[in-house]
Amino acid sequence: PPWNGNYRMYSYVTKEVLPAVTENFNVSEEKRALSGHSMGGHGSLMIFLRNPQMFKCATALAPISNPSHGLWGMKAFTNYLGTDQDLWSQWDATELAKQFNPPEGKPVNILVCQGDSDKFLEKELLTQNFVDAAKANPGLNVDYRVREGYDHFYPYIATFLEEHFDFVAKFIC
């Protein structure tokens, strides 16, 4: 595909954004966290699970959680990574949670929030798959919060974003 030579969000975040922020702002490399929504929520979880030494915790709001098995995720992974599903598992948050080994044997902390009225939940996000895999792994402490009556969009994010800030603050302040 024409974009796969340039569209490298993983290396952009881990190798370009983080060093640029550290070099240009008064931030501590020892006090970093990741957060994201939807596809960005998947990125937050996946990057954190692949690089736990770089972050204190991660949060995700309505994340795409198991793209190897979701309709949108399978299409995206095929376009970005090809048809090798073993390769997909290296970029799928749920698959990474199954295999995760915490640094120094200390469990890491993740907050996941999900609206129960999210129209993407059952076929696209598959949040419960991630939560089940993470809770089965003693190296992961997952705080999972289901929000009754909330969907996928801005009012949901705006309502609960402060809880994500509070969660992160417990680990970096």
Protein backbone atom coordinates (compact mmCIF):
# COMPACT_ATOMS: atom_id res chain seq x y z
CA PRO A 1 0.00 0.00 0.00
CA PRO A 2 1.21 3.51 -0.72
CA TRP A 3 1.16 4.65 2.92
CA ASN A 4 2.97 1.77 4.63
CA GLY A 5 6.40 3.24 3.89
CA ASN A 6 5.56 6.46 5.69
CA TYR A 7 2.76 5.74 8.14
CA ARG A 8 4.70 4.57 11.17
CA MET A 9 2.79 5.80 14.21
CA TYR A 10 4.61 3.43 16.59
CA SER A 11 8.10 4.71 15.75
CA TYR A 12 6.77 8.26 15.46
CA VAL A 13 5.55 8.17 19.07
CA THR A 14 8.42 6.18 20.57
CA LYS A 15 11.34 7.59 18.59
CA GLU A 16 10.28 11.10 17.57
CA VAL A 17 7.56 12.53 19.80
CA LEU A 18 8.93 11.39 23.16
CA PRO A 19 12.47 12.67 22.55
CA ALA A 20 11.13 15.96 21.14
CA VAL A 21 8.94 16.50 24.20
CA THR A 22 11.77 15.63 26.58
CA GLU A 23 14.22 17.94 24.81
CA ASN A 24 11.85 20.91 24.49
CA PHE A 25 9.74 20.85 27.65
CA ASN A 26 10.39 20.48 31.35
CA VAL A 27 9.27 16.86 31.65
CA SER A 28 10.76 13.84 33.32
CA GLU A 29 11.45 10.66 31.37
CA GLU A 30 10.64 8.77 34.57
CA LYS A 31 7.13 10.22 34.75
CA ARG A 32 5.48 9.44 31.45
CA ALA A 33 2.09 7.89 30.71
CA LEU A 34 0.04 7.16 27.62
CA SER A 35 -3.63 7.71 26.95
CA GLY A 36 -5.86 7.52 23.91
CA HIS A 37 -9.34 7.05 22.54
CA SER A 38 -10.57 4.45 20.04
CA MET A 39 -7.71 3.70 17.62
CA GLY A 40 -5.53 5.97 19.77
CA GLY A 41 -6.63 3.92 22.77
CA HIS A 42 -5.32 0.83 21.04
CA GLY A 43 -2.09 2.67 20.32
CA SER A 44 -1.81 3.65 23.96
CA LEU A 45 -2.27 0.07 25.15
CA MET A 46 -0.07 -1.48 22.48
CA ILE A 47 2.80 0.99 22.85
CA PHE A 48 2.66 0.67 26.64
CA LEU A 49 2.69 -3.14 26.57
CA ARG A 50 5.61 -3.18 24.14
CA ASN A 51 7.56 -0.55 26.13
CA PRO A 52 6.57 -0.72 29.80
CA GLN A 53 9.96 0.61 30.85
CA MET A 54 9.16 3.90 29.10
CA PHE A 55 5.89 4.65 30.94
CA LYS A 56 4.40 4.51 34.42
CA CYS A 57 0.89 3.59 33.25
CA ALA A 58 -1.56 3.77 30.37
CA THR A 59 -5.22 4.62 29.95
CA ALA A 60 -7.65 4.04 27.12
CA LEU A 61 -11.17 5.28 26.44
CA ALA A 62 -13.25 2.97 24.24
CA PRO A 63 -10.14 1.43 22.71
CA ILE A 64 -10.00 -0.83 19.71
CA SER A 65 -8.77 -3.69 21.85
CA ASN A 66 -8.37 -6.78 19.72
CA PRO A 67 -7.89 -5.66 16.11
CA SER A 68 -6.87 -9.14 14.96
CA HIS A 69 -10.47 -10.18 15.52
CA GLY A 70 -12.47 -7.00 14.86
CA LEU A 71 -13.87 -6.15 11.44
CA TRP A 72 -12.12 -2.80 11.11
CA GLY A 73 -8.91 -4.12 12.69
CA MET A 74 -8.60 -7.08 10.34
CA LYS A 75 -8.97 -4.76 7.35
CA ALA A 76 -6.46 -2.28 8.79
CA PHE A 77 -3.93 -4.96 9.75
CA THR A 78 -4.18 -6.54 6.30
CA ASN A 79 -3.53 -3.15 4.70
CA TYR A 80 -0.68 -2.16 7.04
CA LEU A 81 0.93 -5.51 7.86
CA GLY A 82 -0.18 -7.97 5.18
CA THR A 83 -1.91 -11.29 5.79
CA ASP A 84 0.52 -12.86 8.30
CA GLN A 85 -1.60 -13.13 11.45
CA ASP A 86 1.44 -14.05 13.55
CA LEU A 87 2.78 -10.61 12.70
CA TRP A 88 -0.58 -9.07 13.66
CA SER A 89 -0.29 -10.48 17.17
CA GLN A 90 2.84 -8.35 17.74
CA TRP A 91 0.68 -5.24 17.24
CA ASP A 92 -2.58 -6.35 18.91
CA ALA A 93 -3.09 -5.13 22.50
CA THR A 94 -5.06 -8.24 23.52
CA GLU A 95 -2.43 -10.60 22.17
CA LEU A 96 0.31 -8.55 23.83
CA ALA A 97 -1.57 -8.67 27.15
CA LYS A 98 -1.63 -12.48 26.97
CA GLN A 99 2.17 -12.60 26.60
CA PHE A 100 3.14 -9.63 28.77
CA ASN A 101 5.97 -9.98 31.28
CA PRO A 102 6.33 -6.96 33.55
CA PRO A 103 9.70 -5.27 33.94
CA GLU A 104 11.42 -6.26 37.16
CA GLY A 105 8.48 -8.55 37.92
CA LYS A 106 6.35 -5.63 39.10
CA PRO A 107 2.79 -5.44 37.72
CA VAL A 108 1.96 -2.41 35.61
CA ASN A 109 -1.25 -0.36 35.74
CA ILE A 110 -3.85 0.29 33.05
CA LEU A 111 -7.22 2.04 33.12
CA VAL A 112 -9.78 1.13 30.46
CA CYS A 113 -13.17 2.83 30.23
CA GLN A 114 -15.94 1.77 27.90
CA GLY A 115 -19.50 2.98 27.28
CA ASP A 116 -22.03 0.16 27.24
CA SER A 117 -24.03 1.85 24.44
CA ASP A 118 -21.05 2.11 22.09
CA LYS A 119 -22.23 0.85 18.71
CA PHE A 120 -18.70 -0.35 17.90
CA LEU A 121 -18.25 -2.42 21.06
CA GLU A 122 -19.32 -5.88 19.92
CA LYS A 123 -17.79 -6.11 16.43
CA GLU A 124 -15.00 -3.56 16.38
CA LEU A 125 -13.62 -2.69 19.81
CA LEU A 126 -13.82 -6.07 21.55
CA THR A 127 -12.85 -4.42 24.83
CA GLN A 128 -13.84 -7.40 26.93
CA ASN A 129 -11.27 -9.55 25.10
CA PHE A 130 -8.50 -7.23 26.27
CA VAL A 131 -9.85 -7.00 29.80
CA ASP A 132 -10.12 -10.79 30.10
CA ALA A 133 -6.57 -11.31 28.79
CA ALA A 134 -5.18 -8.59 31.04
CA LYS A 135 -6.95 -9.83 34.15
CA ALA A 136 -5.62 -13.34 33.49
CA ASN A 137 -2.06 -11.98 33.48
CA PRO A 138 -0.67 -11.30 36.99
CA GLY A 139 1.71 -8.76 35.48
CA LEU A 140 -1.17 -6.44 34.59
CA ASN A 141 -3.38 -4.48 36.98
CA VAL A 142 -6.41 -3.41 34.98
CA ASP A 143 -9.07 -1.05 36.25
CA TYR A 144 -12.03 -1.58 33.90
CA ARG A 145 -14.94 0.84 34.10
CA VAL A 146 -18.11 0.34 32.07
CA ARG A 147 -20.24 3.46 31.67
CA GLU A 148 -23.97 2.89 31.43
CA GLY A 149 -25.70 4.74 28.62
CA TYR A 150 -22.54 6.17 27.05
CA ASP A 151 -21.47 5.68 23.45
CA HIS A 152 -18.17 6.22 21.64
CA PHE A 153 -18.09 9.94 21.06
CA TYR A 154 -17.13 13.32 22.53
CA PRO A 155 -19.66 13.56 25.40
CA TYR A 156 -18.33 10.24 26.72
CA ILE A 157 -14.73 11.39 26.51
CA ALA A 158 -15.45 14.80 28.02
CA THR A 159 -17.36 13.26 30.90
CA PHE A 160 -14.67 10.80 31.99
CA LEU A 161 -11.35 12.30 30.87
CA GLU A 162 -10.68 13.79 34.30
CA GLU A 163 -10.74 10.28 35.79
CA HIS A 164 -7.94 9.36 33.42
CA PHE A 165 -5.90 12.35 34.56
CA ASP A 166 -6.50 11.31 38.18
CA PHE A 167 -5.45 7.72 37.40
CA VAL A 168 -2.22 8.88 35.73
CA ALA A 169 -1.49 11.30 38.59
CA LYS A 170 -1.41 8.37 41.05
CA PHE A 171 1.61 6.98 39.23
CA ILE A 172 3.55 10.03 38.09
CA CYS A 173 3.05 12.55 40.90
